[in-house]
Amino acid sequence: MARFAAGLIDHFNVATSTGSDWKFFRCDAYAYPSDPGCGSPSYSFTPISQAEAGKDFYAVLYGDVTGNWQAAAPLASVVEKSVETLEGSELPVAPHPEALRAQPEPAPRSKSLPPAEVSIDRLLPLRPGERRDLTIRLENADGILGIDFDLRFDPSRVRIVGIQTSGIAAGWGLAHSDRPGGLHRITTYGMLPLSGSGALAIVTVEGLGEAGPVQPMQIEGTANEGAIPLRTKRGIPNR
């Protein structure tokens, strides 16, 4: 799942083997959490002689383990020099909407807690071949089980040579990949929710061009698929 989110793969194995990203079912007596009684997506009429109602099908998107897939929404983003907010596993059967509403939140988070805040160290000029570690930090991280980040930078001046989880996310899973146009996608996740504030990951960068002014790095992200508010904060100068 993380490799897919990070762009390392563009289809799950099951989608490749079946020739589709979707699985369809006919479910006549959906009864969560017992056997929903789903079967082949077909109805037989001998013959069909009138309008038919209630002949529904359920569609499952491979990899959507929570059943809440929707088109991508804008991410919260930050330019490091500014405080301005810019704002595979699979399911054999799709969860019924009523079942999803009945399920509790996957991780506890107090409603009185302020939004989570993300920041990344400010990047200072680097000489060619010089490397530096930048820290991604989170505040008010309670309840976060996974975060997807897009890290944007000038690929003519720096490159990302490594990323590892750290601090409050030590031991979390991580997947990341370079994308075209100076974009690096990062997905990190854990079995237990984060708590408190602290470092989340260390990003190692290397200088490519001559030392001099560099464009500020930008980081965009969503927490728990957008369920937990995530706003941005000015990065700390890195030395």
Protein backbone atom coordinates (compact mmCIF):
# COMPACT_ATOMS: atom_id res chain seq x y z
CA MET A 1 0.00 0.00 0.00
CA ALA A 2 2.77 2.44 0.92
CA ARG A 3 4.73 1.60 -2.24
CA PHE A 4 1.61 2.34 -4.29
CA ALA A 5 1.01 5.62 -2.43
CA ALA A 6 4.64 6.65 -2.96
CA GLY A 7 4.44 5.93 -6.69
CA LEU A 8 6.89 3.01 -6.69
CA ILE A 9 4.21 0.84 -8.32
CA ASP A 10 1.14 1.92 -10.31
CA HIS A 11 -1.00 -1.22 -9.92
CA PHE A 12 -1.41 -3.96 -7.33
CA ASN A 13 -0.59 -7.53 -8.32
CA VAL A 14 -4.26 -8.50 -8.21
CA ALA A 15 -5.18 -5.68 -10.60
CA THR A 16 -2.50 -6.84 -13.02
CA SER A 17 -3.58 -10.48 -12.88
CA THR A 18 -7.30 -9.73 -13.27
CA GLY A 19 -6.91 -6.92 -15.79
CA SER A 20 -8.85 -4.40 -13.70
CA ASP A 21 -8.44 -2.17 -10.63
CA TRP A 22 -12.01 -3.04 -9.59
CA LYS A 23 -13.96 -6.10 -8.44
CA PHE A 24 -17.75 -6.26 -8.75
CA PHE A 25 -20.26 -8.27 -6.70
CA ARG A 26 -23.99 -8.84 -6.44
CA CYS A 27 -24.99 -8.68 -2.76
CA ASP A 28 -28.65 -9.57 -2.15
CA ALA A 29 -28.64 -9.64 1.66
CA TYR A 30 -25.85 -7.48 2.99
CA ALA A 31 -25.64 -8.12 6.77
CA TYR A 32 -22.55 -6.61 8.39
CA PRO A 33 -20.49 -8.08 10.02
CA SER A 34 -21.79 -11.54 9.10
CA ASP A 35 -21.44 -13.13 5.66
CA PRO A 36 -22.85 -10.56 3.24
CA GLY A 37 -23.92 -13.26 0.80
CA CYS A 38 -22.23 -11.72 -2.22
CA GLY A 39 -21.70 -13.60 -5.44
CA SER A 40 -21.19 -13.27 -9.16
CA PRO A 41 -22.18 -9.83 -10.55
CA SER A 42 -25.08 -11.00 -12.71
CA TYR A 43 -28.86 -11.23 -12.83
CA SER A 44 -30.86 -13.66 -14.97
CA PHE A 45 -34.11 -12.70 -16.69
CA THR A 46 -36.06 -15.21 -18.79
CA PRO A 47 -36.80 -12.90 -20.52
CA ILE A 48 -36.76 -9.34 -19.22
CA SER A 49 -40.23 -7.93 -19.93
CA GLN A 50 -40.53 -4.90 -17.68
CA ALA A 51 -38.50 -2.30 -15.80
CA GLU A 52 -36.49 -3.86 -12.96
CA ALA A 53 -35.59 -2.03 -9.73
CA GLY A 54 -33.18 -2.90 -6.93
CA LYS A 55 -30.76 -4.81 -9.15
CA ASP A 56 -27.61 -3.35 -7.64
CA PHE A 57 -23.93 -4.18 -7.74
CA TYR A 58 -21.13 -3.44 -5.30
CA ALA A 59 -17.78 -2.18 -6.62
CA VAL A 60 -14.51 -2.77 -4.73
CA LEU A 61 -11.39 -0.76 -5.53
CA TYR A 62 -8.39 -3.01 -4.88
CA GLY A 63 -6.24 -1.46 -2.16
CA ASP A 64 -9.04 0.63 -0.62
CA VAL A 65 -8.98 -1.09 2.76
CA THR A 66 -11.32 1.43 4.41
CA GLY A 67 -13.90 1.80 1.65
CA ASN A 68 -13.64 5.59 1.65
CA TRP A 69 -11.85 6.24 -1.64
CA GLN A 70 -12.64 9.51 -3.37
CA ALA A 71 -10.95 11.77 -5.90
CA ALA A 72 -7.80 13.48 -4.62
CA ALA A 73 -8.28 16.72 -2.68
CA PRO A 74 -5.81 19.62 -2.27
CA LEU A 75 -3.10 19.04 0.33
CA ALA A 76 -2.11 21.43 3.10
CA SER A 77 1.22 22.94 2.07
CA VAL A 78 3.94 25.23 3.35
CA VAL A 79 6.88 27.10 1.89
CA GLU A 80 9.62 26.84 4.50
CA LYS A 81 10.41 30.57 4.56
CA SER A 82 6.78 31.58 5.13
CA VAL A 83 4.20 30.97 7.86
CA GLU A 84 1.37 31.31 5.34
CA THR A 85 -0.79 28.20 4.97
CA LEU A 86 -1.21 27.40 1.30
CA GLU A 87 -3.23 25.14 1.70
CA GLY A 88 -1.40 -3.88 -1.22
CA SER A 89 -3.88 -5.24 0.87
CA GLU A 90 -7.38 -5.55 -0.46
CA LEU A 91 -10.92 -6.24 0.66
CA PRO A 92 -12.78 -9.28 -0.68
CA VAL A 93 -16.08 -7.40 -0.27
CA ALA A 94 -16.70 -3.65 -0.09
CA PRO A 95 -17.88 -2.43 3.33
CA HIS A 96 -21.49 -1.31 3.31
CA PRO A 97 -21.88 2.46 3.96
CA GLU A 98 -23.93 1.74 7.10
CA ALA A 99 -21.15 -0.53 8.38
CA LEU A 100 -18.56 2.19 7.80
CA ARG A 101 -20.62 4.72 9.72
CA ALA A 102 -20.97 2.28 12.61
CA GLN A 103 -17.21 1.74 12.93
CA PRO A 104 -15.27 3.86 15.46
CA GLU A 105 -12.42 6.15 14.45
CA PRO A 106 -9.22 4.11 13.95
CA ALA A 107 -7.29 6.22 16.46
CA PRO A 108 -8.40 8.34 19.42
CA ARG A 109 -7.88 12.10 19.23
CA SER A 110 -9.36 14.71 21.52
CA LYS A 111 -11.69 17.14 19.80
CA SER A 112 -10.13 19.93 21.86
CA LEU A 113 -6.64 19.24 20.50
CA PRO A 114 -5.36 21.88 18.03
CA PRO A 115 -4.68 20.81 14.44
CA ALA A 116 -1.47 18.92 13.80
CA GLU A 117 1.37 21.09 12.49
CA VAL A 118 4.17 20.05 10.11
CA SER A 119 7.44 21.81 9.41
CA ILE A 120 10.73 21.06 7.68
CA ASP A 121 14.16 22.59 8.36
CA ARG A 122 15.03 25.52 6.14
CA LEU A 123 17.58 24.55 3.51
CA LEU A 124 20.75 26.67 3.44
CA PRO A 125 23.13 26.73 0.43
CA LEU A 126 25.17 23.59 -0.20
CA ARG A 127 28.42 23.08 -2.09
CA PRO A 128 28.44 20.37 -4.80
CA GLY A 129 28.66 16.99 -3.06
CA GLU A 130 27.95 18.45 0.39
CA ARG A 131 25.21 16.65 2.30
CA ARG A 132 22.91 17.85 5.05
CA ASP A 133 20.12 16.32 7.14
CA LEU A 134 16.77 18.13 7.28
CA THR A 135 14.19 17.20 9.90
CA ILE A 136 10.46 16.96 9.29
CA ARG A 137 8.67 17.71 12.55
CA LEU A 138 5.10 17.22 13.75
CA GLU A 139 3.27 18.91 16.60
CA ASN A 140 -0.02 17.76 18.13
CA ALA A 141 0.38 14.42 16.35
CA ASP A 142 -1.99 12.41 18.60
CA GLY A 143 -4.02 9.82 16.69
CA ILE A 144 -2.08 9.96 13.41
CA LEU A 145 -1.63 6.50 11.86
CA GLY A 146 -0.26 7.52 8.49
CA ILE A 147 0.87 10.58 6.54
CA ASP A 148 1.44 11.15 2.82
CA PHE A 149 3.88 13.92 1.90
CA ASP A 150 4.97 15.60 -1.32
CA LEU A 151 8.34 17.30 -0.95
CA ARG A 152 9.12 19.86 -3.67
CA PHE A 153 12.59 21.24 -4.42
CA ASP A 154 14.88 22.53 -7.19
CA PRO A 155 16.37 19.37 -8.78
CA SER A 156 19.12 21.43 -10.44
CA ARG A 157 20.51 22.47 -7.05
CA VAL A 158 19.86 19.58 -4.69
CA ARG A 159 18.87 15.94 -4.72
CA ILE A 160 17.38 13.71 -2.03
CA VAL A 161 19.71 10.83 -1.20
CA GLY A 162 17.92 9.26 1.76
CA ILE A 163 14.94 9.39 4.12
CA GLN A 164 14.41 7.60 7.43
CA THR A 165 11.78 7.79 10.13
CA SER A 166 12.85 9.26 13.46
CA GLY A 167 11.68 10.50 16.83
CA ILE A 168 7.99 9.92 17.51
CA ALA A 169 7.74 7.85 14.28
CA ALA A 170 10.80 5.66 14.92
CA GLY A 171 10.07 2.14 13.67
CA TRP A 172 7.28 3.25 11.32
CA GLY A 173 7.10 1.90 7.80
CA LEU A 174 8.33 4.16 5.01
CA ALA A 175 8.17 4.27 1.21
CA HIS A 176 9.39 7.11 -1.00
CA SER A 177 10.32 7.86 -4.59
CA ASP A 178 11.45 10.65 -6.90
CA ARG A 179 8.80 11.96 -9.26
CA PRO A 180 9.27 14.24 -12.29
CA GLY A 181 9.74 17.98 -11.88
CA GLY A 182 11.47 18.15 -8.50
CA LEU A 183 8.88 16.21 -6.53
CA HIS A 184 9.66 13.50 -3.97
CA ARG A 185 6.74 11.47 -2.60
CA ILE A 186 6.90 10.11 0.95
CA THR A 187 4.48 7.74 2.69
CA THR A 188 4.96 6.73 6.31
CA TYR A 189 2.65 4.70 8.54
CA GLY A 190 2.44 2.71 11.79
CA MET A 191 0.33 0.11 13.56
CA LEU A 192 -0.08 2.36 16.60
CA PRO A 193 -1.01 6.06 16.48
CA LEU A 194 1.51 8.81 17.11
CA SER A 195 1.43 10.78 20.33
CA GLY A 196 2.74 14.20 21.26
CA SER A 197 5.20 16.25 19.22
CA GLY A 198 8.68 15.73 17.81
CA ALA A 199 10.76 14.70 14.82
CA LEU A 200 9.01 12.48 12.28
CA ALA A 201 11.67 11.86 9.61
CA ILE A 202 15.17 12.84 8.54
CA VAL A 203 15.66 13.84 4.89
CA THR A 204 19.26 13.77 3.62
CA VAL A 205 19.96 16.14 0.72
CA GLU A 206 23.06 16.68 -1.41
CA GLY A 207 24.16 19.81 -3.21
CA LEU A 208 24.48 19.73 -7.00
CA GLY A 209 25.11 23.29 -8.24
CA GLU A 210 27.47 25.98 -7.10
CA ALA A 211 26.93 27.38 -3.63
CA GLY A 212 24.48 30.28 -3.60
CA PRO A 213 20.82 31.09 -2.96
CA VAL A 214 18.53 28.07 -3.19
CA GLN A 215 14.80 27.89 -3.74
CA PRO A 216 12.88 27.10 -0.56
CA MET A 217 11.70 23.52 -0.19
CA GLN A 218 7.97 22.96 0.09
CA ILE A 219 6.19 20.15 1.90
CA GLU A 220 2.56 19.14 1.39
CA GLY A 221 0.76 16.43 3.31
CA THR A 222 -2.40 14.76 4.57
CA ALA A 223 -2.83 12.88 7.85
CA ASN A 224 -5.12 9.85 8.17
CA GLU A 225 -6.40 10.43 4.62
CA GLY A 226 -7.46 13.94 5.58
CA ALA A 227 -9.37 12.91 8.72
CA ILE A 228 -6.97 14.82 10.99
CA PRO A 229 -6.41 18.53 10.22
CA LEU A 230 -2.80 19.26 9.24
CA ARG A 231 -1.53 22.80 8.94
CA THR A 232 1.93 24.17 8.33
CA LYS A 233 4.55 25.99 10.32
CA ARG A 234 7.74 27.85 9.48
CA GLY A 235 10.82 25.63 9.22
CA ILE A 236 13.87 26.03 11.48
CA PRO A 237 17.14 27.14 9.83
CA ASN A 238 19.41 24.11 9.40
CA ARG A 239 23.14 24.53 10.04
